[in-house]
Amino acid sequence: MKLVSDYSGLDFLQVQELEVFDFWGFLHDAVVWNLSKTESGRDYLESAFNHAQTEPDREALRARTGG
C-alpha cells in the first residue's frame, strides 16, 4: 500500500478504496517507477522486458550479423 500511495499521491484510505484492477495497475506502475531509479533496477527491467518478448528483433539480429 505504501508503494502505491507514494507513487500515486493517494492517502492510505483512498488506496484501500480503489477497485482491485486499479490497485494492481497502480502497483505495477509503482514497481516499475521504483526500479527505474537505480542502475541495477533498470538492468532488471530491461532483462524482464527481453524475456517477455516472443518475436525476434529482426533488425537488431541483422545489424549484429551483418545481413
PDB file of N, CA and C in Angstrom:
ATOM      1  N   MET A   1       0.816  -1.193   0.000  1.00  0.00           N
ATOM      2  CA  MET A   1       0.000   0.000   0.000  1.00  0.00           C
ATOM      3  C   MET A   1       0.860   1.257   0.000  1.00  0.00           C
ATOM      4  N   LYS A   2       1.967   1.216   0.741  1.00  0.00           N
ATOM      5  CA  LYS A   2       2.817   2.398   0.823  1.00  0.00           C
ATOM      6  C   LYS A   2       3.409   2.744  -0.541  1.00  0.00           C
ATOM      7  N   LEU A   3       3.832   1.735  -1.273  1.00  0.00           N
ATOM      8  CA  LEU A   3       4.411   1.984  -2.590  1.00  0.00           C
ATOM      9  C   LEU A   3       3.389   2.631  -3.520  1.00  0.00           C
ATOM     10  N   VAL A   4       2.163   2.141  -3.516  1.00  0.00           N
ATOM     11  CA  VAL A   4       1.102   2.724  -4.342  1.00  0.00           C
ATOM     12  C   VAL A   4       0.792   4.140  -3.869  1.00  0.00           C
ATOM     13  N   SER A   5       0.767   4.334  -2.567  1.00  0.00           N
ATOM     14  CA  SER A   5       0.493   5.655  -2.016  1.00  0.00           C
ATOM     15  C   SER A   5       1.582   6.652  -2.411  1.00  0.00           C
ATOM     16  N   ASP A   6       2.844   6.239  -2.287  1.00  0.00           N
ATOM     17  CA  ASP A   6       3.952   7.120  -2.659  1.00  0.00           C
ATOM     18  C   ASP A   6       3.908   7.459  -4.146  1.00  0.00           C
ATOM     19  N   TYR A   7       3.606   6.472  -4.965  1.00  0.00           N
ATOM     20  CA  TYR A   7       3.590   6.675  -6.418  1.00  0.00           C
ATOM     21  C   TYR A   7       2.420   7.545  -6.853  1.00  0.00           C
ATOM     22  N   SER A   8       1.240   7.250  -6.332  1.00  0.00           N
ATOM     23  CA  SER A   8       0.030   7.901  -6.827  1.00  0.00           C
ATOM     24  C   SER A   8      -0.306   9.212  -6.110  1.00  0.00           C
ATOM     25  N   GLY A   9       0.238   9.390  -4.906  1.00  0.00           N
ATOM     26  CA  GLY A   9      -0.104  10.580  -4.142  1.00  0.00           C
ATOM     27  C   GLY A   9      -1.403  10.435  -3.369  1.00  0.00           C
ATOM     28  N   LEU A  10      -1.991   9.247  -3.412  1.00  0.00           N
ATOM     29  CA  LEU A  10      -3.221   8.994  -2.664  1.00  0.00           C
ATOM     30  C   LEU A  10      -2.875   8.634  -1.223  1.00  0.00           C
ATOM     31  N   ASP A  11      -3.782   8.958  -0.295  1.00  0.00           N
ATOM     32  CA  ASP A  11      -3.541   8.518   1.080  1.00  0.00           C
ATOM     33  C   ASP A  11      -4.006   7.063   1.223  1.00  0.00           C
ATOM     34  N   PHE A  12      -3.691   6.436   2.363  1.00  0.00           N
ATOM     35  CA  PHE A  12      -3.977   5.015   2.542  1.00  0.00           C
ATOM     36  C   PHE A  12      -5.468   4.700   2.408  1.00  0.00           C
ATOM     37  N   LEU A  13      -6.323   5.568   2.900  1.00  0.00           N
ATOM     38  CA  LEU A  13      -7.762   5.328   2.800  1.00  0.00           C
ATOM     39  C   LEU A  13      -8.198   5.316   1.335  1.00  0.00           C
ATOM     40  N   GLN A  14      -7.675   6.243   0.552  1.00  0.00           N
ATOM     41  CA  GLN A  14      -8.012   6.282  -0.869  1.00  0.00           C
ATOM     42  C   GLN A  14      -7.475   5.056  -1.596  1.00  0.00           C
ATOM     43  N   VAL A  15      -6.291   4.597  -1.200  1.00  0.00           N
ATOM     44  CA  VAL A  15      -5.729   3.394  -1.816  1.00  0.00           C
ATOM     45  C   VAL A  15      -6.601   2.186  -1.494  1.00  0.00           C
ATOM     46  N   GLN A  16      -7.075   2.094  -0.254  1.00  0.00           N
ATOM     47  CA  GLN A  16      -7.934   0.974   0.136  1.00  0.00           C
ATOM     48  C   GLN A  16      -9.253   0.980  -0.618  1.00  0.00           C
ATOM     49  N   GLU A  17      -9.716   2.137  -1.033  1.00  0.00           N
ATOM     50  CA  GLU A  17     -10.999   2.240  -1.725  1.00  0.00           C
ATOM     51  C   GLU A  17     -10.895   2.033  -3.239  1.00  0.00           C
ATOM     52  N   LEU A  18      -9.687   1.838  -3.746  1.00  0.00           N
ATOM     53  CA  LEU A  18      -9.517   1.617  -5.181  1.00  0.00           C
ATOM     54  C   LEU A  18     -10.130   0.278  -5.594  1.00  0.00           C
ATOM     55  N   GLU A  19     -10.623   0.230  -6.822  1.00  0.00           N
ATOM     56  CA  GLU A  19     -11.036  -1.049  -7.401  1.00  0.00           C
ATOM     57  C   GLU A  19      -9.790  -1.927  -7.527  1.00  0.00           C
ATOM     58  N   VAL A  20      -9.976  -3.230  -7.481  1.00  0.00           N
ATOM     59  CA  VAL A  20      -8.837  -4.139  -7.465  1.00  0.00           C
ATOM     60  C   VAL A  20      -7.969  -3.990  -8.721  1.00  0.00           C
ATOM     61  N   PHE A  21      -8.583  -3.814  -9.876  1.00  0.00           N
ATOM     62  CA  PHE A  21      -7.795  -3.682 -11.099  1.00  0.00           C
ATOM     63  C   PHE A  21      -7.047  -2.354 -11.139  1.00  0.00           C
ATOM     64  N   ASP A  22      -7.640  -1.303 -10.598  1.00  0.00           N
ATOM     65  CA  ASP A  22      -6.943  -0.024 -10.499  1.00  0.00           C
ATOM     66  C   ASP A  22      -5.748  -0.154  -9.558  1.00  0.00           C
ATOM     67  N   PHE A  23      -5.955  -0.843  -8.430  1.00  0.00           N
ATOM     68  CA  PHE A  23      -4.856  -1.044  -7.478  1.00  0.00           C
ATOM     69  C   PHE A  23      -3.718  -1.808  -8.141  1.00  0.00           C
ATOM     70  N   TRP A  24      -4.019  -2.903  -8.830  1.00  0.00           N
ATOM     71  CA  TRP A  24      -2.964  -3.693  -9.473  1.00  0.00           C
ATOM     72  C   TRP A  24      -2.267  -2.890 -10.566  1.00  0.00           C
ATOM     73  N   GLY A  25      -2.995  -2.058 -11.275  1.00  0.00           N
ATOM     74  CA  GLY A  25      -2.374  -1.197 -12.277  1.00  0.00           C
ATOM     75  C   GLY A  25      -1.427  -0.191 -11.646  1.00  0.00           C
ATOM     76  N   PHE A  26      -1.884   0.451 -10.570  1.00  0.00           N
ATOM     77  CA  PHE A  26      -1.009   1.373  -9.842  1.00  0.00           C
ATOM     78  C   PHE A  26       0.203   0.647  -9.274  1.00  0.00           C
ATOM     79  N   LEU A  27      -0.015  -0.561  -8.749  1.00  0.00           N
ATOM     80  CA  LEU A  27       1.100  -1.321  -8.166  1.00  0.00           C
ATOM     81  C   LEU A  27       2.131  -1.658  -9.228  1.00  0.00           C
ATOM     82  N   HIS A  28       1.681  -2.099 -10.385  1.00  0.00           N
ATOM     83  CA  HIS A  28       2.605  -2.394 -11.483  1.00  0.00           C
ATOM     84  C   HIS A  28       3.430  -1.161 -11.835  1.00  0.00           C
ATOM     85  N   ASP A  29       2.742  -0.044 -12.053  1.00  0.00           N
ATOM     86  CA  ASP A  29       3.433   1.188 -12.423  1.00  0.00           C
ATOM     87  C   ASP A  29       4.374   1.659 -11.324  1.00  0.00           C
ATOM     88  N   ALA A  30       3.973   1.494 -10.068  1.00  0.00           N
ATOM     89  CA  ALA A  30       4.797   1.914  -8.936  1.00  0.00           C
ATOM     90  C   ALA A  30       6.066   1.072  -8.841  1.00  0.00           C
ATOM     91  N   VAL A  31       5.960  -0.230  -9.096  1.00  0.00           N
ATOM     92  CA  VAL A  31       7.141  -1.096  -9.049  1.00  0.00           C
ATOM     93  C   VAL A  31       8.107  -0.714 -10.159  1.00  0.00           C
ATOM     94  N   VAL A  32       7.589  -0.487 -11.361  1.00  0.00           N
ATOM     95  CA  VAL A  32       8.445  -0.071 -12.478  1.00  0.00           C
ATOM     96  C   VAL A  32       9.095   1.265 -12.164  1.00  0.00           C
ATOM     97  N   TRP A  33       8.328   2.197 -11.647  1.00  0.00           N
ATOM     98  CA  TRP A  33       8.842   3.526 -11.283  1.00  0.00           C
ATOM     99  C   TRP A  33       9.946   3.395 -10.232  1.00  0.00           C
ATOM    100  N   ASN A  34       9.723   2.554  -9.237  1.00  0.00           N
ATOM    101  CA  ASN A  34      10.695   2.381  -8.161  1.00  0.00           C
ATOM    102  C   ASN A  34      11.975   1.711  -8.678  1.00  0.00           C
ATOM    103  N   LEU A  35      11.836   0.697  -9.523  1.00  0.00           N
ATOM    104  CA  LEU A  35      13.012   0.012 -10.056  1.00  0.00           C
ATOM    105  C   LEU A  35      13.810   0.897 -11.008  1.00  0.00           C
ATOM    106  N   SER A  36      13.138   1.791 -11.705  1.00  0.00           N
ATOM    107  CA  SER A  36      13.836   2.621 -12.685  1.00  0.00           C
ATOM    108  C   SER A  36      14.720   3.693 -12.041  1.00  0.00           C
ATOM    109  N   LYS A  37      14.690   3.788 -10.745  1.00  0.00           N
ATOM    110  CA  LYS A  37      15.505   4.789 -10.049  1.00  0.00           C
ATOM    111  C   LYS A  37      16.976   4.387  -9.942  1.00  0.00           C
ATOM    112  N   THR A  38      17.281   3.090 -10.018  1.00  0.00           N
ATOM    113  CA  THR A  38      18.656   2.636  -9.855  1.00  0.00           C
ATOM    114  C   THR A  38      19.147   1.937 -11.115  1.00  0.00           C
ATOM    115  N   GLU A  39      20.444   1.885 -11.276  1.00  0.00           N
ATOM    116  CA  GLU A  39      21.040   1.222 -12.431  1.00  0.00           C
ATOM    117  C   GLU A  39      20.715  -0.269 -12.431  1.00  0.00           C
ATOM    118  N   SER A  40      20.822  -0.910 -11.279  1.00  0.00           N
ATOM    119  CA  SER A  40      20.514  -2.344 -11.219  1.00  0.00           C
ATOM    120  C   SER A  40      19.033  -2.601 -11.474  1.00  0.00           C
ATOM    121  N   GLY A  41      18.174  -1.700 -11.034  1.00  0.00           N
ATOM    122  CA  GLY A  41      16.750  -1.826 -11.313  1.00  0.00           C
ATOM    123  C   GLY A  41      16.442  -1.680 -12.785  1.00  0.00           C
ATOM    124  N   ARG A  42      17.121  -0.733 -13.442  1.00  0.00           N
ATOM    125  CA  ARG A  42      16.925  -0.568 -14.889  1.00  0.00           C
ATOM    126  C   ARG A  42      17.424  -1.795 -15.650  1.00  0.00           C
ATOM    127  N   ASP A  43      18.539  -2.378 -15.186  1.00  0.00           N
ATOM    128  CA  ASP A  43      19.029  -3.608 -15.805  1.00  0.00           C
ATOM    129  C   ASP A  43      18.017  -4.732 -15.652  1.00  0.00           C
ATOM    130  N   TYR A  44      17.415  -4.839 -14.466  1.00  0.00           N
ATOM    131  CA  TYR A  44      16.402  -5.861 -14.227  1.00  0.00           C
ATOM    132  C   TYR A  44      15.198  -5.657 -15.146  1.00  0.00           C
ATOM    133  N   LEU A  45      14.734  -4.416 -15.271  1.00  0.00           N
ATOM    134  CA  LEU A  45      13.586  -4.144 -16.125  1.00  0.00           C
ATOM    135  C   LEU A  45      13.881  -4.468 -17.588  1.00  0.00           C
ATOM    136  N   GLU A  46      15.082  -4.144 -18.046  1.00  0.00           N
ATOM    137  CA  GLU A  46      15.459  -4.460 -19.422  1.00  0.00           C
ATOM    138  C   GLU A  46      15.505  -5.972 -19.631  1.00  0.00           C
ATOM    139  N   SER A  47      16.067  -6.688 -18.672  1.00  0.00           N
ATOM    140  CA  SER A  47      16.123  -8.145 -18.756  1.00  0.00           C
ATOM    141  C   SER A  47      14.723  -8.748 -18.748  1.00  0.00           C
ATOM    142  N   ALA A  48      13.855  -8.245 -17.881  1.00  0.00           N
ATOM    143  CA  ALA A  48      12.481  -8.752 -17.812  1.00  0.00           C
ATOM    144  C   ALA A  48      11.752  -8.484 -19.119  1.00  0.00           C
ATOM    145  N   PHE A  49      11.957  -7.315 -19.707  1.00  0.00           N
ATOM    146  CA  PHE A  49      11.338  -6.993 -20.993  1.00  0.00           C
ATOM    147  C   PHE A  49      11.826  -7.956 -22.069  1.00  0.00           C
ATOM    148  N   ASN A  50      13.139  -8.199 -22.105  1.00  0.00           N
ATOM    149  CA  ASN A  50      13.693  -9.095 -23.121  1.00  0.00           C
ATOM    150  C   ASN A  50      13.165 -10.519 -22.962  1.00  0.00           C
ATOM    151  N   HIS A  51      12.997 -10.978 -21.736  1.00  0.00           N
ATOM    152  CA  HIS A  51      12.485 -12.329 -21.505  1.00  0.00           C
ATOM    153  C   HIS A  51      11.012 -12.449 -21.877  1.00  0.00           C
ATOM    154  N   ALA A  52      10.290 -11.348 -21.872  1.00  0.00           N
ATOM    155  CA  ALA A  52       8.863 -11.381 -22.184  1.00  0.00           C
ATOM    156  C   ALA A  52       8.596 -11.360 -23.688  1.00  0.00           C
ATOM    157  N   GLN A  53       9.601 -11.060 -24.483  1.00  0.00           N
ATOM    158  CA  GLN A  53       9.416 -10.963 -25.927  1.00  0.00           C
ATOM    159  C   GLN A  53       9.222 -12.347 -26.539  1.00  0.00           C
ATOM    160  N   THR A  54       8.269 -12.458 -27.452  1.00  0.00           N
ATOM    161  CA  THR A  54       8.010 -13.731 -28.114  1.00  0.00           C
ATOM    162  C   THR A  54       8.428 -13.713 -29.578  1.00  0.00           C
ATOM    163  N   GLU A  55       8.684 -12.531 -30.115  1.00  0.00           N
ATOM    164  CA  GLU A  55       9.117 -12.389 -31.500  1.00  0.00           C
ATOM    165  C   GLU A  55      10.552 -11.871 -31.523  1.00  0.00           C
ATOM    166  N   PRO A  56      11.378 -12.359 -32.446  1.00  0.00           N
ATOM    167  CA  PRO A  56      12.759 -11.859 -32.515  1.00  0.00           C
ATOM    168  C   PRO A  56      12.813 -10.432 -33.048  1.00  0.00           C
ATOM    169  N   ASP A  57      13.811  -9.698 -32.619  1.00  0.00           N
ATOM    170  CA  ASP A  57      14.062  -8.352 -33.134  1.00  0.00           C
ATOM    171  C   ASP A  57      14.931  -8.503 -34.377  1.00  0.00           C
ATOM    172  N   ARG A  58      14.272  -8.612 -35.518  1.00  0.00           N
ATOM    173  CA  ARG A  58      14.973  -8.932 -36.759  1.00  0.00           C
ATOM    174  C   ARG A  58      15.990  -7.849 -37.158  1.00  0.00           C
ATOM    175  N   GLU A  59      15.673  -6.598 -36.922  1.00  0.00           N
ATOM    176  CA  GLU A  59      16.621  -5.525 -37.274  1.00  0.00           C
ATOM    177  C   GLU A  59      17.884  -5.628 -36.457  1.00  0.00           C
ATOM    178  N   ALA A  60      17.753  -5.869 -35.158  1.00  0.00           N
ATOM    179  CA  ALA A  60      18.923  -5.989 -34.291  1.00  0.00           C
ATOM    180  C   ALA A  60      19.749  -7.212 -34.688  1.00  0.00           C
ATOM    181  N   LEU A  61      19.082  -8.302 -35.040  1.00  0.00           N
ATOM    182  CA  LEU A  61      19.817  -9.502 -35.459  1.00  0.00           C
ATOM    183  C   LEU A  61      20.572  -9.254 -36.759  1.00  0.00           C
ATOM    184  N   ARG A  62      19.931  -8.577 -37.702  1.00  0.00           N
ATOM    185  CA  ARG A  62      20.607  -8.272 -38.973  1.00  0.00           C
ATOM    186  C   ARG A  62      21.803  -7.351 -38.751  1.00  0.00           C
ATOM    187  N   ALA A  63      21.653  -6.368 -37.881  1.00  0.00           N
ATOM    188  CA  ALA A  63      22.752  -5.449 -37.606  1.00  0.00           C
ATOM    189  C   ALA A  63      23.908  -6.165 -36.930  1.00  0.00           C
ATOM    190  N   ARG A  64      23.587  -7.118 -36.084  1.00  0.00           N
ATOM    191  CA  ARG A  64      24.630  -7.838 -35.350  1.00  0.00           C
ATOM    192  C   ARG A  64      25.364  -8.849 -36.238  1.00  0.00           C
ATOM    193  N   THR A  65      24.658  -9.459 -37.163  1.00  0.00           N
ATOM    194  CA  THR A  65      25.270 -10.498 -38.003  1.00  0.00           C
ATOM    195  C   THR A  65      25.740  -9.961 -39.346  1.00  0.00           C
ATOM    196  N   GLY A  66      25.388  -8.725 -39.655  1.00  0.00           N
ATOM    197  CA  GLY A  66      25.842  -8.134 -40.895  1.00  0.00           C
ATOM    198  C   GLY A  66      24.977  -8.493 -42.105  1.00  0.00           C
ATOM    199  N   GLY A  67      23.777  -8.892 -41.867  1.00  0.00           N
ATOM    200  CA  GLY A  67      22.952  -9.161 -43.041  1.00  0.00           C
ATOM    201  C   GLY A  67      21.851 -10.046 -42.707  1.00  0.00           C
TER     202      GLY A  67
END
